[in-house]
C-alpha atoms as a PDB file:
ATOM      1  CA  MET A   1    -180.815  62.186  21.847  1.00  0.00           C
ATOM      2  CA  LEU A   2    -177.712  63.541  23.594  1.00  0.00           C
ATOM      3  CA  LYS A   3    -175.895  63.937  20.273  1.00  0.00           C
ATOM      4  CA  GLY A   4    -178.662  66.240  19.024  1.00  0.00           C
ATOM      5  CA  PHE A   5    -178.489  68.271  22.243  1.00  0.00           C
ATOM      6  CA  ARG A   6    -174.693  68.508  21.968  1.00  0.00           C
ATOM      7  CA  ASP A   7    -174.954  69.675  18.349  1.00  0.00           C
ATOM      8  CA  PHE A   8    -177.555  72.278  19.360  1.00  0.00           C
ATOM      9  CA  VAL A   9    -175.498  73.663  22.248  1.00  0.00           C
ATOM     10  CA  LEU A  10    -172.247  73.749  20.325  1.00  0.00           C
ATOM     11  CA  ARG A  11    -173.763  75.439  17.292  1.00  0.00           C
ATOM     12  CA  GLY A  12    -172.085  78.813  16.732  1.00  0.00           C
ATOM     13  CA  ASN A  13    -175.062  81.101  17.212  1.00  0.00           C
ATOM     14  CA  VAL A  14    -176.058  79.495  20.543  1.00  0.00           C
ATOM     15  CA  MET A  15    -172.570  80.044  21.945  1.00  0.00           C
ATOM     16  CA  ASP A  16    -172.528  83.608  20.592  1.00  0.00           C
ATOM     17  CA  LEU A  17    -175.867  84.268  22.257  1.00  0.00           C
ATOM     18  CA  ALA A  18    -174.651  82.863  25.580  1.00  0.00           C
ATOM     19  CA  VAL A  19    -171.550  85.059  25.482  1.00  0.00           C
ATOM     20  CA  ALA A  20    -173.675  88.094  24.555  1.00  0.00           C
ATOM     21  CA  VAL A  21    -176.030  87.512  27.487  1.00  0.00           C
ATOM     22  CA  ILE A  22    -173.137  87.194  29.947  1.00  0.00           C
ATOM     23  CA  ILE A  23    -171.391  90.295  28.634  1.00  0.00           C
ATOM     24  CA  GLY A  24    -174.712  92.171  28.552  1.00  0.00           C
ATOM     25  CA  ALA A  25    -175.378  91.325  32.193  1.00  0.00           C
ATOM     26  CA  ALA A  26    -171.934  92.547  33.189  1.00  0.00           C
ATOM     27  CA  PHE A  27    -172.297  95.670  31.056  1.00  0.00           C
ATOM     28  CA  SER A  28    -175.669  96.523  32.595  1.00  0.00           C
ATOM     29  CA  ASP A  29    -173.924  97.368  35.879  1.00  0.00           C
ATOM     30  CA  ILE A  30    -171.653  99.779  34.037  1.00  0.00           C
ATOM     31  CA  THR A  31    -174.527 101.519  32.261  1.00  0.00           C
ATOM     32  CA  LYS A  32    -176.626 101.693  35.450  1.00  0.00           C
ATOM     33  CA  SER A  33    -173.686 103.257  37.255  1.00  0.00           C
ATOM     34  CA  LEU A  34    -173.137 105.736  34.429  1.00  0.00           C
ATOM     35  CA  VAL A  35    -176.781 106.807  34.476  1.00  0.00           C
ATOM     36  CA  GLY A  36    -177.273 106.697  38.253  1.00  0.00           C
ATOM     37  CA  ASP A  37    -173.928 108.071  39.433  1.00  0.00           C
ATOM     38  CA  ILE A  38    -172.927 110.504  36.695  1.00  0.00           C
ATOM     39  CA  ILE A  39    -175.725 111.550  34.344  1.00  0.00           C
ATOM     40  CA  SER A  40    -178.632 111.812  36.827  1.00  0.00           C
ATOM     41  CA  PRO A  41    -176.611 113.947  39.288  1.00  0.00           C
ATOM     42  CA  LEU A  42    -175.578 116.215  36.410  1.00  0.00           C
ATOM     43  CA  ILE A  43    -179.220 116.622  35.437  1.00  0.00           C
ATOM     44  CA  ALA A  44    -180.087 117.273  39.090  1.00  0.00           C
ATOM     45  CA  ALA A  45    -177.410 119.984  39.238  1.00  0.00           C
ATOM     46  CA  ILE A  46    -178.854 121.655  36.154  1.00  0.00           C
ATOM     47  CA  VAL A  47    -182.623 121.411  36.631  1.00  0.00           C
ATOM     48  CA  GLY A  48    -183.039 120.553  40.300  1.00  0.00           C
ATOM     49  CA  LYS A  49    -183.898 117.270  41.933  1.00  0.00           C
ATOM     50  CA  PRO A  50    -184.847 114.792  39.167  1.00  0.00           C
ATOM     51  CA  ASP A  51    -187.067 112.628  41.369  1.00  0.00           C
ATOM     52  CA  PHE A  52    -190.784 112.348  40.754  1.00  0.00           C
ATOM     53  CA  SER A  53    -191.446 109.468  43.152  1.00  0.00           C
ATOM     54  CA  ASN A  54    -193.536 111.681  45.457  1.00  0.00           C
ATOM     55  CA  PHE A  55    -196.116 112.292  42.683  1.00  0.00           C
ATOM     56  CA  VAL A  56    -199.158 110.200  43.634  1.00  0.00           C
ATOM     57  CA  PHE A  57    -202.920 110.398  43.515  1.00  0.00           C
ATOM     58  CA  HIS A  58    -205.497 108.561  45.567  1.00  0.00           C
ATOM     59  CA  VAL A  59    -208.412 106.567  44.173  1.00  0.00           C
ATOM     60  CA  ASN A  60    -210.928 105.024  46.614  1.00  0.00           C
ATOM     61  CA  GLY A  61    -208.288 104.602  49.299  1.00  0.00           C
ATOM     62  CA  GLY A  62    -205.669 103.250  46.872  1.00  0.00           C
ATOM     63  CA  VAL A  63    -202.474 105.038  45.959  1.00  0.00           C
ATOM     64  CA  VAL A  64    -201.383 105.370  42.327  1.00  0.00           C
ATOM     65  CA  LYS A  65    -197.662 106.160  42.205  1.00  0.00           C
ATOM     66  CA  TYR A  66    -197.362 107.637  38.743  1.00  0.00           C
ATOM     67  CA  GLY A  67    -194.178 109.465  39.742  1.00  0.00           C
ATOM     68  CA  SER A  68    -192.292 106.172  39.975  1.00  0.00           C
ATOM     69  CA  PHE A  69    -193.432 105.390  36.435  1.00  0.00           C
ATOM     70  CA  ILE A  70    -192.167 108.784  35.267  1.00  0.00           C
ATOM     71  CA  ASN A  71    -188.808 108.064  36.960  1.00  0.00           C
ATOM     72  CA  ALA A  72    -188.590 104.689  35.204  1.00  0.00           C
ATOM     73  CA  CYS A  73    -189.390 106.275  31.821  1.00  0.00           C
ATOM     74  CA  ILE A  74    -186.772 108.995  32.290  1.00  0.00           C
ATOM     75  CA  SER A  75    -184.173 106.426  33.359  1.00  0.00           C
ATOM     76  CA  PHE A  76    -184.980 104.327  30.304  1.00  0.00           C
ATOM     77  CA  LEU A  77    -184.651 107.290  27.949  1.00  0.00           C
ATOM     78  CA  ILE A  78    -181.357 108.350  29.507  1.00  0.00           C
ATOM     79  CA  LEU A  79    -180.022 104.800  29.325  1.00  0.00           C
ATOM     80  CA  ALA A  80    -181.139 104.399  25.707  1.00  0.00           C
ATOM     81  CA  ALA A  81    -179.497 107.716  24.763  1.00  0.00           C
ATOM     82  CA  VAL A  82    -176.259 106.771  26.511  1.00  0.00           C
ATOM     83  CA  ILE A  83    -176.156 103.394  24.775  1.00  0.00           C
ATOM     84  CA  TYR A  84    -176.914 104.936  21.389  1.00  0.00           C
ATOM     85  CA  PHE A  85    -174.554 107.898  21.525  1.00  0.00           C
ATOM     86  CA  PHE A  86    -171.665 106.196  23.349  1.00  0.00           C
ATOM     87  CA  LEU A  87    -171.867 102.668  21.906  1.00  0.00           C
ATOM     88  CA  VAL A  88    -173.976 102.254  18.781  1.00  0.00           C
ATOM     89  CA  LEU A  89    -173.020 105.429  16.933  1.00  0.00           C
ATOM     90  CA  PRO A  90    -169.231 105.146  17.527  1.00  0.00           C
ATOM     91  CA  THR A  91    -169.322 101.456  16.591  1.00  0.00           C
ATOM     92  CA  GLN A  92    -171.136 102.246  13.340  1.00  0.00           C
ATOM     93  CA  LYS A  93    -168.611 104.972  12.522  1.00  0.00           C
ATOM     94  CA  LEU A  94    -165.710 102.633  13.282  1.00  0.00           C
ATOM     95  CA  LEU A  95    -167.138  99.837  11.132  1.00  0.00           C
ATOM     96  CA  GLN A  96    -167.827 102.306   8.343  1.00  0.00           C
ATOM     97  CA  ARG A  97    -164.224 103.514   8.524  1.00  0.00           C
ATOM     98  CA  ILE A  98    -162.874  99.937   8.525  1.00  0.00           C
ATOM     99  CA  ASN A  99    -165.135  98.533   5.802  1.00  0.00           C
ATOM    100  CA  GLY A 100    -165.243 101.619   3.627  1.00  0.00           C
ATOM    101  CA  PRO A 101    -168.347 102.843   1.853  1.00  0.00           C
ATOM    102  CA  GLU A 102    -170.763 100.160   0.722  1.00  0.00           C
ATOM    103  CA  ALA A 103    -170.868  99.630  -3.014  1.00  0.00           C
ATOM    104  CA  THR A 104    -174.341  99.782  -4.502  1.00  0.00           C
ATOM    105  CA  THR A 105    -175.362  96.766  -6.569  1.00  0.00           C
ATOM    106  CA  THR A 106    -178.821  97.922  -7.605  1.00  0.00           C
ATOM    107  CA  LYS A 107    -180.562 100.950  -9.016  1.00  0.00           C
ATOM    108  CA  ALA A 108    -184.194 102.038  -9.011  1.00  0.00           C
ATOM    109  CA  CYS A 109    -186.314 101.506 -12.110  1.00  0.00           C
ATOM    110  CA  PRO A 110    -187.391 104.938 -13.407  1.00  0.00           C
ATOM    111  CA  GLN A 111    -190.922 103.660 -14.146  1.00  0.00           C
ATOM    112  CA  CYS A 112    -191.943 101.434 -11.196  1.00  0.00           C
ATOM    113  CA  LEU A 113    -189.122 102.195  -8.682  1.00  0.00           C
ATOM    114  CA  THR A 114    -188.277  98.523  -8.020  1.00  0.00           C
ATOM    115  CA  ASP A 115    -184.633  97.654  -7.415  1.00  0.00           C
ATOM    116  CA  ILE A 116    -182.878  96.181 -10.433  1.00  0.00           C
ATOM    117  CA  PRO A 117    -179.243  95.025 -10.758  1.00  0.00           C
ATOM    118  CA  LEU A 118    -176.810  97.539 -12.230  1.00  0.00           C
ATOM    119  CA  ALA A 119    -175.984  95.239 -15.147  1.00  0.00           C
ATOM    120  CA  ALA A 120    -179.656  94.768 -16.129  1.00  0.00           C
ATOM    121  CA  THR A 121    -180.887  96.359 -19.338  1.00  0.00           C
ATOM    122  CA  ARG A 122    -184.627  96.012 -18.578  1.00  0.00           C
ATOM    123  CA  CYS A 123    -186.718  95.969 -15.402  1.00  0.00           C
ATOM    124  CA  LYS A 124    -188.079  92.509 -14.653  1.00  0.00           C
ATOM    125  CA  ALA A 125    -191.241  93.950 -13.088  1.00  0.00           C
ATOM    126  CA  CYS A 126    -192.419  96.342 -15.811  1.00  0.00           C
ATOM    127  CA  GLY A 127    -190.088  95.782 -18.792  1.00  0.00           C
ATOM    128  CA  GLU A 128    -188.963  99.416 -18.854  1.00  0.00           C
ATOM    129  CA  PRO A 129    -185.424  99.926 -20.260  1.00  0.00           C
ATOM    130  CA  ALA A 130    -183.013 100.587 -17.431  1.00  0.00           C
END
């Protein structure tokens, strides 16, 4: 029983996932600081105070704080844009530069548009000459 648990924990993808979670937790502070301390104040300087938390409406004595939801949505969009434009896009460009352009190994059949290997002489789906 313990041998199976040991094999599970020491499997490569479990360790990679654990490291990714730890690094992600540490990185979340950096991204929150970037959004909260740099980007949001810049937006506030451009368009005014970017705080909608005072937007509420009352229903039968209850208070619906839809402004807080709007704030959360805006924060999410800003965070997603920062992650995409400052992390994902540069990483993709770097990997593309390192690995070079991907070589295509298939082509589309002119008749049925299925992918067929470049060396094939006929499409396996429709029999059309390639």
